[in-house]
């Protein structure tokens, strides 16, 4: 069945509007400093970086779209302080708090409902053209200044402490802190992993 360009564009616009609403809701839920959706819409550099990345990534996947995608990524970095390679795959309701200094490499894969703080790096440890950046599952939180390096897998609901350096896989639901990061699991029944993260003194080093 043939679909007219008008119908296709209407569907794409509707999907884009829905995605923007989801991202705004995620920001309002995760940022206690957010006072209104309008303020977040106009002033959140993290959200602006995410939206520009979604555009760049769509172009990256099209024939002949890589150069325009790289240009959009470059302009986004200049305006937002966030560097996301257009080849990176980002899930829904992704949120970057503050944003400055965040770097996400080309082969990184990020699940749904993930949150990164400022100066986080999802970086590579290889010069080969292979899968060389991390994969983050759903609902992962990565604290300020943390580095997740190489093709490691961080399982869903894991928490990475501030300034930690992760170079090995982190199981789902674990808390990883330190340099290099070691992981553990919440010690109290039904303890929220995010709250448990703040009981570790290494988080603040």
N, C-alpha and C. Protein backbone atom coordinates (compact mmCIF):
# COMPACT_ATOMS: atom_id res chain seq x y z
N UNK A 1 0.85 -1.19 0.00
CA UNK A 1 0.00 0.00 0.00
C UNK A 1 0.88 1.24 0.00
N UNK A 2 0.64 2.15 -0.95
CA UNK A 2 1.40 3.38 -1.03
C UNK A 2 0.89 4.39 -0.03
N UNK A 3 1.82 5.11 0.63
CA UNK A 3 1.44 6.14 1.59
C UNK A 3 1.92 7.48 1.05
N UNK A 4 1.01 8.44 0.99
CA UNK A 4 1.36 9.73 0.43
C UNK A 4 2.38 10.44 1.33
N UNK A 5 3.23 11.32 0.73
CA UNK A 5 4.19 12.08 1.54
C UNK A 5 3.52 12.89 2.63
N UNK A 6 2.32 13.41 2.36
CA UNK A 6 1.61 14.21 3.37
C UNK A 6 1.27 13.37 4.59
N UNK A 7 0.77 12.15 4.34
CA UNK A 7 0.41 11.26 5.44
C UNK A 7 1.67 10.87 6.22
N UNK A 8 2.76 10.55 5.45
CA UNK A 8 4.00 10.17 6.11
C UNK A 8 4.53 11.29 6.99
N UNK A 9 4.51 12.52 6.45
CA UNK A 9 5.00 13.66 7.23
C UNK A 9 4.14 13.88 8.47
N UNK A 10 2.82 13.72 8.32
CA UNK A 10 1.94 13.87 9.48
C UNK A 10 2.26 12.87 10.56
N UNK A 11 2.55 11.61 10.14
CA UNK A 11 2.91 10.58 11.11
C UNK A 11 4.22 10.88 11.80
N UNK A 12 5.20 11.37 11.03
CA UNK A 12 6.51 11.71 11.61
C UNK A 12 6.40 12.87 12.58
N UNK A 13 5.61 13.87 12.21
CA UNK A 13 5.43 15.02 13.09
C UNK A 13 4.74 14.62 14.39
N UNK A 14 3.72 13.75 14.27
CA UNK A 14 3.01 13.28 15.46
C UNK A 14 3.96 12.50 16.36
N UNK A 15 4.80 11.66 15.76
CA UNK A 15 5.77 10.89 16.55
C UNK A 15 6.78 11.82 17.22
N UNK A 16 7.21 12.86 16.50
CA UNK A 16 8.16 13.81 17.07
C UNK A 16 7.54 14.56 18.24
N UNK A 17 6.28 14.99 18.08
CA UNK A 17 5.61 15.70 19.18
C UNK A 17 5.46 14.79 20.39
N UNK A 18 5.12 13.53 20.15
CA UNK A 18 4.96 12.58 21.26
C UNK A 18 6.31 12.37 21.97
N UNK A 19 7.39 12.27 21.19
CA UNK A 19 8.71 12.09 21.78
C UNK A 19 9.13 13.29 22.62
N UNK A 20 8.83 14.49 22.13
CA UNK A 20 9.16 15.70 22.88
C UNK A 20 8.40 15.75 24.19
N UNK A 21 7.11 15.39 24.14
CA UNK A 21 6.31 15.36 25.38
C UNK A 21 6.89 14.35 26.37
N UNK A 22 7.27 13.18 25.87
CA UNK A 22 7.86 12.17 26.75
C UNK A 22 9.14 12.69 27.40
N UNK A 23 10.00 13.30 26.60
CA UNK A 23 11.26 13.82 27.13
C UNK A 23 11.02 14.92 28.16
N UNK A 24 10.04 15.78 27.89
CA UNK A 24 9.70 16.83 28.86
C UNK A 24 9.19 16.23 30.16
N UNK A 25 8.32 15.23 30.05
CA UNK A 25 7.81 14.57 31.25
C UNK A 25 8.95 13.93 32.06
N UNK A 26 9.90 13.31 31.34
CA UNK A 26 11.04 12.69 32.02
C UNK A 26 11.87 13.73 32.76
N UNK A 27 12.07 14.89 32.11
CA UNK A 27 12.84 15.95 32.75
C UNK A 27 12.13 16.49 33.98
N UNK A 28 10.83 16.68 33.88
CA UNK A 28 10.08 17.17 35.03
C UNK A 28 10.12 16.18 36.18
N UNK A 29 10.11 14.90 35.85
CA UNK A 29 10.10 13.86 36.88
C UNK A 29 11.46 13.75 37.58
N UNK A 30 12.55 13.95 36.83
CA UNK A 30 13.88 13.69 37.36
C UNK A 30 14.62 14.92 37.86
N UNK A 31 14.18 16.10 37.49
CA UNK A 31 14.90 17.31 37.87
C UNK A 31 14.08 18.12 38.86
N UNK A 32 14.44 18.12 40.15
CA UNK A 32 13.66 18.86 41.14
C UNK A 32 13.73 20.37 40.94
N UNK A 33 14.69 20.83 40.15
CA UNK A 33 14.79 22.27 39.88
C UNK A 33 13.87 22.72 38.75
N UNK A 34 13.28 21.76 38.05
CA UNK A 34 12.39 22.10 36.93
C UNK A 34 11.07 22.66 37.47
N UNK A 35 10.75 23.88 37.08
CA UNK A 35 9.56 24.55 37.61
C UNK A 35 8.36 24.47 36.68
N UNK A 36 8.60 24.34 35.37
CA UNK A 36 7.50 24.22 34.42
C UNK A 36 8.02 23.63 33.13
N UNK A 37 7.13 23.02 32.37
CA UNK A 37 7.52 22.44 31.08
C UNK A 37 8.03 23.51 30.12
N UNK A 38 7.46 24.69 30.19
CA UNK A 38 7.89 25.76 29.30
C UNK A 38 9.33 26.17 29.59
N UNK A 39 9.66 26.30 30.88
CA UNK A 39 11.02 26.67 31.25
C UNK A 39 12.00 25.60 30.80
N UNK A 40 11.64 24.34 31.04
CA UNK A 40 12.51 23.23 30.63
C UNK A 40 12.66 23.21 29.12
N UNK A 41 11.55 23.41 28.41
CA UNK A 41 11.58 23.42 26.94
C UNK A 41 12.55 24.45 26.40
N UNK A 42 12.57 25.62 27.03
CA UNK A 42 13.36 26.73 26.51
C UNK A 42 14.80 26.75 27.02
N UNK A 43 15.07 26.14 28.18
CA UNK A 43 16.37 26.36 28.82
C UNK A 43 17.18 25.10 29.10
N UNK A 44 16.66 23.92 28.83
CA UNK A 44 17.40 22.69 29.16
C UNK A 44 18.35 22.32 28.04
N UNK A 45 19.64 22.56 28.25
CA UNK A 45 20.64 22.22 27.24
C UNK A 45 20.67 20.71 26.99
N UNK A 46 20.45 19.92 28.05
CA UNK A 46 20.45 18.48 27.88
C UNK A 46 19.36 18.02 26.94
N UNK A 47 18.16 18.57 27.09
CA UNK A 47 17.07 18.20 26.19
C UNK A 47 17.34 18.68 24.78
N UNK A 48 17.86 19.89 24.64
CA UNK A 48 18.16 20.39 23.30
C UNK A 48 19.17 19.47 22.60
N UNK A 49 20.16 19.01 23.35
CA UNK A 49 21.16 18.10 22.79
C UNK A 49 20.52 16.78 22.35
N UNK A 50 19.59 16.27 23.16
CA UNK A 50 18.92 15.02 22.83
C UNK A 50 18.09 15.18 21.55
N UNK A 51 17.34 16.26 21.46
CA UNK A 51 16.49 16.47 20.28
C UNK A 51 17.31 16.66 19.02
N UNK A 52 18.39 17.40 19.11
CA UNK A 52 19.27 17.56 17.95
C UNK A 52 19.92 16.23 17.58
N UNK A 53 20.24 15.42 18.59
CA UNK A 53 20.80 14.10 18.29
C UNK A 53 19.79 13.23 17.56
N UNK A 54 18.55 13.27 17.97
CA UNK A 54 17.55 12.43 17.30
C UNK A 54 17.45 12.80 15.82
N UNK A 55 17.52 14.08 15.53
CA UNK A 55 17.52 14.53 14.14
C UNK A 55 18.78 14.06 13.42
N UNK A 56 19.93 14.24 14.05
CA UNK A 56 21.20 13.84 13.45
C UNK A 56 21.24 12.33 13.22
N UNK A 57 20.73 11.55 14.18
CA UNK A 57 20.75 10.09 14.05
C UNK A 57 19.87 9.63 12.89
N UNK A 58 18.71 10.26 12.73
CA UNK A 58 17.83 9.92 11.61
C UNK A 58 18.53 10.17 10.27
N UNK A 59 19.27 11.27 10.19
CA UNK A 59 20.03 11.56 8.97
C UNK A 59 21.17 10.57 8.79
N UNK A 60 21.84 10.21 9.89
CA UNK A 60 22.97 9.29 9.84
C UNK A 60 22.58 7.97 9.19
N UNK A 61 21.34 7.54 9.40
CA UNK A 61 20.88 6.25 8.88
C UNK A 61 20.44 6.31 7.43
N UNK A 62 20.37 7.51 6.87
CA UNK A 62 19.94 7.67 5.48
C UNK A 62 21.15 7.70 4.54
N UNK A 63 20.98 7.20 3.33
CA UNK A 63 22.08 7.30 2.35
C UNK A 63 22.46 8.76 2.12
N UNK A 64 23.74 9.04 2.20
CA UNK A 64 24.21 10.40 1.98
C UNK A 64 23.95 11.35 3.14
N UNK A 65 23.48 10.83 4.27
CA UNK A 65 23.11 11.71 5.38
C UNK A 65 24.18 11.90 6.44
N UNK A 66 25.32 11.22 6.29
CA UNK A 66 26.32 11.26 7.36
C UNK A 66 26.95 12.65 7.52
N UNK A 67 27.27 13.34 6.42
CA UNK A 67 27.86 14.66 6.55
C UNK A 67 26.91 15.66 7.21
N UNK A 68 25.64 15.75 6.75
CA UNK A 68 24.71 16.64 7.46
C UNK A 68 24.54 16.26 8.93
N UNK A 69 24.54 14.96 9.21
CA UNK A 69 24.40 14.50 10.60
C UNK A 69 25.57 14.97 11.45
N UNK A 70 26.80 14.86 10.90
CA UNK A 70 27.97 15.32 11.65
C UNK A 70 27.94 16.83 11.87
N UNK A 71 27.44 17.56 10.90
CA UNK A 71 27.34 19.01 11.05
C UNK A 71 26.36 19.38 12.15
N UNK A 72 25.21 18.70 12.20
CA UNK A 72 24.23 18.97 13.26
C UNK A 72 24.83 18.63 14.62
N UNK A 73 25.55 17.52 14.70
CA UNK A 73 26.18 17.13 15.97
C UNK A 73 27.21 18.16 16.41
N UNK A 74 27.95 18.69 15.45
CA UNK A 74 28.96 19.72 15.76
C UNK A 74 28.29 20.99 16.29
N UNK A 75 27.21 21.42 15.62
CA UNK A 75 26.50 22.62 16.07
C UNK A 75 25.87 22.39 17.44
N UNK A 76 25.34 21.20 17.65
CA UNK A 76 24.74 20.87 18.94
C UNK A 76 25.77 20.96 20.05
N UNK A 77 26.96 20.42 19.81
CA UNK A 77 28.03 20.49 20.83
C UNK A 77 28.40 21.94 21.12
N UNK A 78 28.44 22.77 20.08
CA UNK A 78 28.81 24.17 20.25
C UNK A 78 27.80 24.92 21.11
N UNK A 79 26.51 24.59 20.93
CA UNK A 79 25.45 25.32 21.64
C UNK A 79 25.13 24.74 23.01
N UNK A 80 25.31 23.42 23.19
CA UNK A 80 24.84 22.78 24.42
C UNK A 80 25.96 22.28 25.33
N UNK A 81 27.18 22.12 24.80
CA UNK A 81 28.25 21.54 25.60
C UNK A 81 28.17 20.03 25.71
N UNK A 82 27.25 19.41 24.97
CA UNK A 82 27.06 17.96 24.98
C UNK A 82 27.48 17.41 23.62
N UNK A 83 28.35 16.39 23.63
CA UNK A 83 28.81 15.81 22.37
C UNK A 83 28.27 14.39 22.24
N UNK A 84 27.34 14.20 21.32
CA UNK A 84 26.77 12.88 21.04
C UNK A 84 27.04 12.57 19.57
N UNK A 85 27.77 11.51 19.32
CA UNK A 85 28.02 11.12 17.93
C UNK A 85 26.69 10.72 17.29
N UNK A 86 26.44 11.15 16.05
CA UNK A 86 25.14 10.84 15.43
C UNK A 86 24.89 9.35 15.22
N UNK A 87 25.96 8.54 15.29
CA UNK A 87 25.76 7.10 15.16
C UNK A 87 25.27 6.43 16.43
N UNK A 88 25.35 7.09 17.57
CA UNK A 88 24.91 6.50 18.84
C UNK A 88 23.41 6.25 18.83
N UNK A 89 23.01 5.16 19.46
CA UNK A 89 21.59 4.79 19.54
C UNK A 89 21.07 5.14 20.93
N UNK A 90 20.07 6.02 20.99
CA UNK A 90 19.54 6.52 22.25
C UNK A 90 18.08 6.12 22.39
N UNK A 91 17.70 5.59 23.56
CA UNK A 91 16.33 5.15 23.80
C UNK A 91 15.40 6.29 24.17
N UNK A 92 14.20 5.93 24.58
CA UNK A 92 13.15 6.90 24.91
C UNK A 92 13.34 7.46 26.32
N UNK A 93 12.83 8.68 26.50
CA UNK A 93 12.81 9.35 27.81
C UNK A 93 14.21 9.46 28.41
N UNK A 94 15.18 9.68 27.55
CA UNK A 94 16.56 9.89 27.97
C UNK A 94 16.69 11.31 28.54
N UNK A 95 17.46 11.46 29.62
CA UNK A 95 17.61 12.78 30.22
C UNK A 95 19.05 13.01 30.63
N UNK A 96 19.59 14.18 30.28
CA UNK A 96 20.93 14.60 30.70
C UNK A 96 20.76 15.81 31.60
N UNK A 97 21.13 15.67 32.87
CA UNK A 97 21.00 16.78 33.81
C UNK A 97 22.24 17.66 33.73
N UNK A 98 22.06 18.94 33.55
CA UNK A 98 23.13 19.95 33.38
C UNK A 98 23.81 19.83 32.02
N UNK A 99 24.34 18.67 31.71
CA UNK A 99 24.79 18.42 30.34
C UNK A 99 26.23 18.73 30.05
N UNK A 100 26.81 19.75 30.61
CA UNK A 100 28.15 20.18 30.22
C UNK A 100 29.15 19.03 30.33
N UNK A 101 29.91 18.82 29.25
CA UNK A 101 30.98 17.84 29.27
C UNK A 101 30.58 16.42 28.99
N UNK A 102 29.31 16.15 28.71
CA UNK A 102 28.89 14.78 28.40
C UNK A 102 29.38 14.41 27.00
N UNK A 103 29.96 13.20 26.89
CA UNK A 103 30.43 12.69 25.60
C UNK A 103 29.89 11.27 25.42
N UNK A 104 29.24 11.03 24.28
CA UNK A 104 28.69 9.72 23.96
C UNK A 104 29.22 9.30 22.59
N UNK A 105 29.93 8.17 22.55
CA UNK A 105 30.62 7.74 21.34
C UNK A 105 29.72 7.09 20.31
N UNK A 106 30.30 6.87 19.14
CA UNK A 106 29.57 6.43 17.95
C UNK A 106 28.79 5.13 18.14
N UNK A 107 29.39 4.12 18.76
CA UNK A 107 28.74 2.82 18.85
C UNK A 107 28.06 2.59 20.20
N UNK A 108 27.91 3.66 20.97
CA UNK A 108 27.18 3.55 22.25
C UNK A 108 25.72 3.24 21.99
N UNK A 109 25.14 2.45 22.88
CA UNK A 109 23.71 2.14 22.85
C UNK A 109 23.13 2.41 24.23
N UNK A 110 22.09 3.20 24.27
CA UNK A 110 21.49 3.63 25.54
C UNK A 110 20.02 3.22 25.54
N UNK A 111 19.59 2.54 26.60
CA UNK A 111 18.22 2.06 26.69
C UNK A 111 17.23 3.16 27.05
N UNK A 112 16.04 2.76 27.44
CA UNK A 112 14.98 3.70 27.81
C UNK A 112 15.14 4.16 29.26
N UNK A 113 14.68 5.40 29.52
CA UNK A 113 14.62 5.95 30.89
C UNK A 113 15.98 6.03 31.56
N UNK A 114 17.00 6.29 30.77
CA UNK A 114 18.37 6.43 31.29
C UNK A 114 18.62 7.89 31.65
N UNK A 115 19.42 8.12 32.70
CA UNK A 115 19.76 9.47 33.12
C UNK A 115 21.28 9.59 33.30
N UNK A 116 21.85 10.62 32.68
CA UNK A 116 23.27 10.93 32.84
C UNK A 116 23.41 12.30 33.49
N UNK A 117 24.40 12.44 34.37
CA UNK A 117 24.74 13.74 34.91
C UNK A 117 25.91 14.34 34.12
N UNK A 118 26.33 15.54 34.49
CA UNK A 118 27.35 16.24 33.72
C UNK A 118 28.70 15.53 33.77
N UNK A 119 29.47 15.75 32.70
CA UNK A 119 30.83 15.23 32.54
C UNK A 119 30.89 13.70 32.50
N UNK A 120 29.81 13.07 32.13
CA UNK A 120 29.82 11.62 31.92
C UNK A 120 30.39 11.33 30.53
N UNK A 121 31.21 10.28 30.44
CA UNK A 121 31.73 9.83 29.16
C UNK A 121 31.33 8.38 28.92
N UNK A 122 30.70 8.13 27.79
CA UNK A 122 30.48 6.76 27.31
C UNK A 122 31.46 6.59 26.16
N UNK A 123 32.69 6.18 26.50
CA UNK A 123 33.79 6.25 25.56
C UNK A 123 34.31 4.90 25.11
N UNK A 124 35.26 4.94 24.19
CA UNK A 124 35.83 3.73 23.64
C UNK A 124 37.25 3.50 24.12
N UNK A 125 37.72 2.24 23.94
CA UNK A 125 39.10 1.89 24.29
C UNK A 125 39.80 1.19 23.13
N UNK A 126 39.28 1.37 21.91
CA UNK A 126 39.86 0.72 20.74
C UNK A 126 39.93 1.71 19.59
N UNK A 127 40.94 1.55 18.76
CA UNK A 127 41.07 2.36 17.56
C UNK A 127 40.49 1.66 16.34
N UNK A 128 39.98 0.45 16.52
CA UNK A 128 39.40 -0.32 15.42
C UNK A 128 37.96 0.13 15.17
N UNK A 129 37.50 -0.09 13.93
CA UNK A 129 36.12 0.25 13.58
C UNK A 129 35.21 -0.92 13.94
N UNK A 130 35.02 -1.09 15.24
CA UNK A 130 34.21 -2.17 15.77
C UNK A 130 33.28 -1.58 16.83
N UNK A 131 32.47 -2.42 17.44
CA UNK A 131 31.67 -2.00 18.58
C UNK A 131 32.63 -1.70 19.72
N UNK A 132 32.84 -0.42 20.04
CA UNK A 132 33.89 -0.04 20.98
C UNK A 132 33.39 0.86 22.12
N UNK A 133 32.09 1.09 22.18
CA UNK A 133 31.51 1.94 23.22
C UNK A 133 30.49 1.14 24.04
N UNK A 134 30.10 1.65 25.19
CA UNK A 134 29.24 0.89 26.11
C UNK A 134 27.80 0.71 25.60
N UNK A 135 27.17 -0.27 26.19
CA UNK A 135 25.72 -0.47 26.05
C UNK A 135 25.10 -0.35 27.43
N UNK A 136 24.13 0.54 27.57
CA UNK A 136 23.43 0.74 28.84
C UNK A 136 22.01 0.21 28.71
N UNK A 137 21.60 -0.59 29.67
CA UNK A 137 20.23 -1.09 29.68
C UNK A 137 19.24 -0.01 30.08
N UNK A 138 18.03 -0.40 30.38
CA UNK A 138 16.97 0.55 30.75
C UNK A 138 17.15 1.01 32.20
N UNK A 139 16.75 2.26 32.44
CA UNK A 139 16.67 2.84 33.80
C UNK A 139 18.02 2.89 34.50
N UNK A 140 19.08 3.04 33.75
CA UNK A 140 20.42 3.19 34.31
C UNK A 140 20.66 4.66 34.67
N UNK A 141 21.31 4.91 35.80
CA UNK A 141 21.72 6.26 36.18
C UNK A 141 23.24 6.30 36.27
N UNK A 142 23.85 7.31 35.65
CA UNK A 142 25.30 7.45 35.67
C UNK A 142 25.63 8.79 36.31
N UNK A 143 26.35 8.76 37.44
CA UNK A 143 26.64 9.96 38.22
C UNK A 143 27.66 10.87 37.57
N UNK A 144 27.74 12.10 38.08
CA UNK A 144 28.60 13.15 37.51
C UNK A 144 30.05 12.70 37.44
N UNK A 145 30.67 12.94 36.29
CA UNK A 145 32.08 12.66 36.12
C UNK A 145 32.44 11.22 35.88
N UNK A 146 31.46 10.33 35.86
CA UNK A 146 31.76 8.91 35.66
C UNK A 146 32.18 8.63 34.21
N UNK A 147 33.04 7.63 34.04
CA UNK A 147 33.48 7.20 32.72
C UNK A 147 33.15 5.73 32.55
N UNK A 148 32.43 5.42 31.50
CA UNK A 148 32.12 4.03 31.15
C UNK A 148 32.82 3.78 29.82
N UNK A 149 33.83 2.90 29.83
CA UNK A 149 34.76 2.82 28.71
C UNK A 149 34.80 1.42 28.10
N UNK A 150 34.75 1.38 26.79
CA UNK A 150 34.84 0.12 26.07
C UNK A 150 33.47 -0.50 25.82
N UNK A 151 33.45 -1.65 25.15
CA UNK A 151 32.17 -2.30 24.80
C UNK A 151 31.58 -3.07 25.98
N UNK A 152 31.52 -2.42 27.14
CA UNK A 152 30.98 -3.07 28.33
C UNK A 152 29.46 -2.97 28.33
N UNK A 153 28.84 -3.85 29.07
CA UNK A 153 27.38 -3.85 29.21
C UNK A 153 27.01 -3.48 30.64
N UNK A 154 26.18 -2.46 30.78
CA UNK A 154 25.66 -2.05 32.08
C UNK A 154 24.19 -2.46 32.11
N UNK A 155 23.86 -3.39 32.99
CA UNK A 155 22.52 -3.94 33.00
C UNK A 155 21.46 -2.96 33.46
N UNK A 156 20.23 -3.27 33.15
CA UNK A 156 19.09 -2.43 33.52
C UNK A 156 19.04 -2.20 35.02
N UNK A 157 18.64 -0.98 35.41
CA UNK A 157 18.47 -0.57 36.81
C UNK A 157 19.79 -0.45 37.57
N UNK A 158 20.91 -0.54 36.88
CA UNK A 158 22.20 -0.34 37.54
C UNK A 158 22.43 1.15 37.80
N UNK A 159 23.26 1.43 38.81
CA UNK A 159 23.61 2.80 39.18
C UNK A 159 25.13 2.93 39.19
N UNK A 160 25.65 3.94 38.50
CA UNK A 160 27.08 4.18 38.45
C UNK A 160 27.38 5.43 39.27
N UNK A 161 28.26 5.31 40.26
CA UNK A 161 28.56 6.42 41.15
C UNK A 161 29.38 7.51 40.47
N UNK A 162 29.30 8.72 41.03
CA UNK A 162 30.04 9.86 40.51
C UNK A 162 31.54 9.56 40.51
N UNK A 163 32.21 9.97 39.41
CA UNK A 163 33.66 9.85 39.24
C UNK A 163 34.16 8.41 39.15
N UNK A 164 33.27 7.47 39.03
CA UNK A 164 33.69 6.08 38.88
C UNK A 164 34.20 5.83 37.46
N UNK A 165 35.03 4.82 37.30
CA UNK A 165 35.53 4.42 35.99
C UNK A 165 35.16 2.95 35.77
N UNK A 166 34.24 2.72 34.86
CA UNK A 166 33.72 1.38 34.61
C UNK A 166 34.37 0.81 33.36
N UNK A 167 35.09 -0.31 33.52
CA UNK A 167 35.75 -0.95 32.38
C UNK A 167 35.35 -2.43 32.25
N UNK A 168 34.43 -2.88 33.12
CA UNK A 168 33.92 -4.24 33.05
C UNK A 168 32.40 -4.20 33.15
N UNK A 169 31.75 -5.27 32.72
CA UNK A 169 30.29 -5.34 32.76
C UNK A 169 29.76 -5.14 34.17
N UNK A 170 28.59 -4.50 34.25
CA UNK A 170 27.91 -4.29 35.52
C UNK A 170 26.56 -5.00 35.45
N UNK A 171 26.28 -5.92 36.38
CA UNK A 171 25.01 -6.66 36.31
C UNK A 171 23.80 -5.76 36.55
N UNK A 172 22.66 -6.21 36.10
CA UNK A 172 21.41 -5.49 36.32
C UNK A 172 21.18 -5.29 37.81
N UNK A 173 20.77 -4.08 38.18
CA UNK A 173 20.42 -3.78 39.56
C UNK A 173 21.59 -3.51 40.48
N UNK A 174 22.81 -3.57 39.96
CA UNK A 174 23.99 -3.38 40.80
C UNK A 174 24.33 -1.91 40.96
N UNK A 175 25.18 -1.63 41.96
CA UNK A 175 25.70 -0.29 42.23
C UNK A 175 27.21 -0.35 42.02
N UNK A 176 27.72 0.46 41.10
CA UNK A 176 29.14 0.43 40.77
C UNK A 176 29.80 1.74 41.19
N UNK A 177 30.86 1.65 42.00
CA UNK A 177 31.59 2.85 42.44
C UNK A 177 33.08 2.54 42.47
N UNK A 178 33.88 3.60 42.33
CA UNK A 178 35.32 3.47 42.50
C UNK A 178 36.08 3.53 41.19
N UNK A 179 37.43 3.48 41.32
CA UNK A 179 38.35 3.53 40.18
C UNK A 179 39.38 2.42 40.35
N UNK A 180 39.33 1.35 39.58
CA UNK A 180 38.24 1.00 38.68
C UNK A 180 37.02 0.59 39.49
N UNK A 181 35.87 0.67 38.88
CA UNK A 181 34.63 0.45 39.63
C UNK A 181 34.47 -1.02 40.03
N UNK A 182 34.03 -1.20 41.27
CA UNK A 182 33.59 -2.50 41.76
C UNK A 182 32.10 -2.39 42.02
N UNK A 183 31.40 -3.49 41.85
CA UNK A 183 29.95 -3.40 42.02
C UNK A 183 29.48 -4.23 43.21
N UNK A 184 28.35 -3.83 43.72
CA UNK A 184 27.68 -4.55 44.80
C UNK A 184 26.18 -4.38 44.57
N UNK A 185 25.40 -5.03 45.41
CA UNK A 185 23.94 -4.94 45.30
C UNK A 185 23.38 -4.30 46.56
N UNK A 186 22.21 -3.68 46.47
CA UNK A 186 21.59 -3.12 47.68
C UNK A 186 21.51 -4.17 48.78
N UNK A 187 21.81 -3.75 50.01
CA UNK A 187 21.89 -4.70 51.12
C UNK A 187 20.60 -4.79 51.92
N UNK A 188 19.69 -3.86 51.70
CA UNK A 188 18.44 -3.86 52.45
C UNK A 188 17.30 -4.30 51.53
N UNK A 189 16.36 -5.11 52.05
CA UNK A 189 15.25 -5.55 51.22
C UNK A 189 14.47 -4.36 50.65
N UNK A 190 14.19 -4.44 49.37
CA UNK A 190 13.39 -3.43 48.67
C UNK A 190 14.05 -2.06 48.66
N UNK A 191 15.37 -2.00 48.91
CA UNK A 191 16.06 -0.72 48.90
C UNK A 191 16.18 -0.21 47.47
N UNK A 192 15.89 1.05 47.28
CA UNK A 192 16.04 1.69 45.98
C UNK A 192 17.54 1.78 45.66
N UNK A 193 17.99 1.21 44.52
CA UNK A 193 19.43 1.27 44.21
C UNK A 193 19.96 2.69 44.13
N UNK A 194 19.15 3.62 43.68
CA UNK A 194 19.61 5.01 43.59
C UNK A 194 19.87 5.58 44.98
N UNK A 195 18.99 5.30 45.94
CA UNK A 195 19.20 5.76 47.31
C UNK A 195 20.39 5.04 47.95
N UNK A 196 20.54 3.75 47.66
CA UNK A 196 21.66 3.00 48.21
C UNK A 196 22.99 3.54 47.71
N UNK A 197 22.99 4.09 46.53
CA UNK A 197 24.21 4.65 45.95
C UNK A 197 24.81 5.71 46.86
N UNK A 198 23.99 6.52 47.50
CA UNK A 198 24.46 7.64 48.29
C UNK A 198 24.97 7.21 49.67
N UNK A 199 24.84 5.94 50.00
CA UNK A 199 25.40 5.45 51.26
C UNK A 199 26.87 5.06 51.09
N UNK A 200 27.36 5.08 49.86
CA UNK A 200 28.74 4.66 49.60
C UNK A 200 29.64 5.88 49.61
N UNK A 201 30.61 5.97 50.55
CA UNK A 201 31.49 7.15 50.61
C UNK A 201 32.28 7.37 49.32
N UNK A 202 32.55 6.29 48.56
CA UNK A 202 33.32 6.44 47.32
C UNK A 202 32.59 7.30 46.30
N UNK A 203 31.30 7.42 46.46
CA UNK A 203 30.51 8.25 45.53
C UNK A 203 31.00 9.68 45.51
N UNK A 204 31.48 10.18 46.66
CA UNK A 204 31.79 11.59 46.79
C UNK A 204 33.28 11.89 46.60
N UNK A 205 34.06 10.89 46.23
CA UNK A 205 35.49 11.11 46.03
C UNK A 205 35.74 11.65 44.62
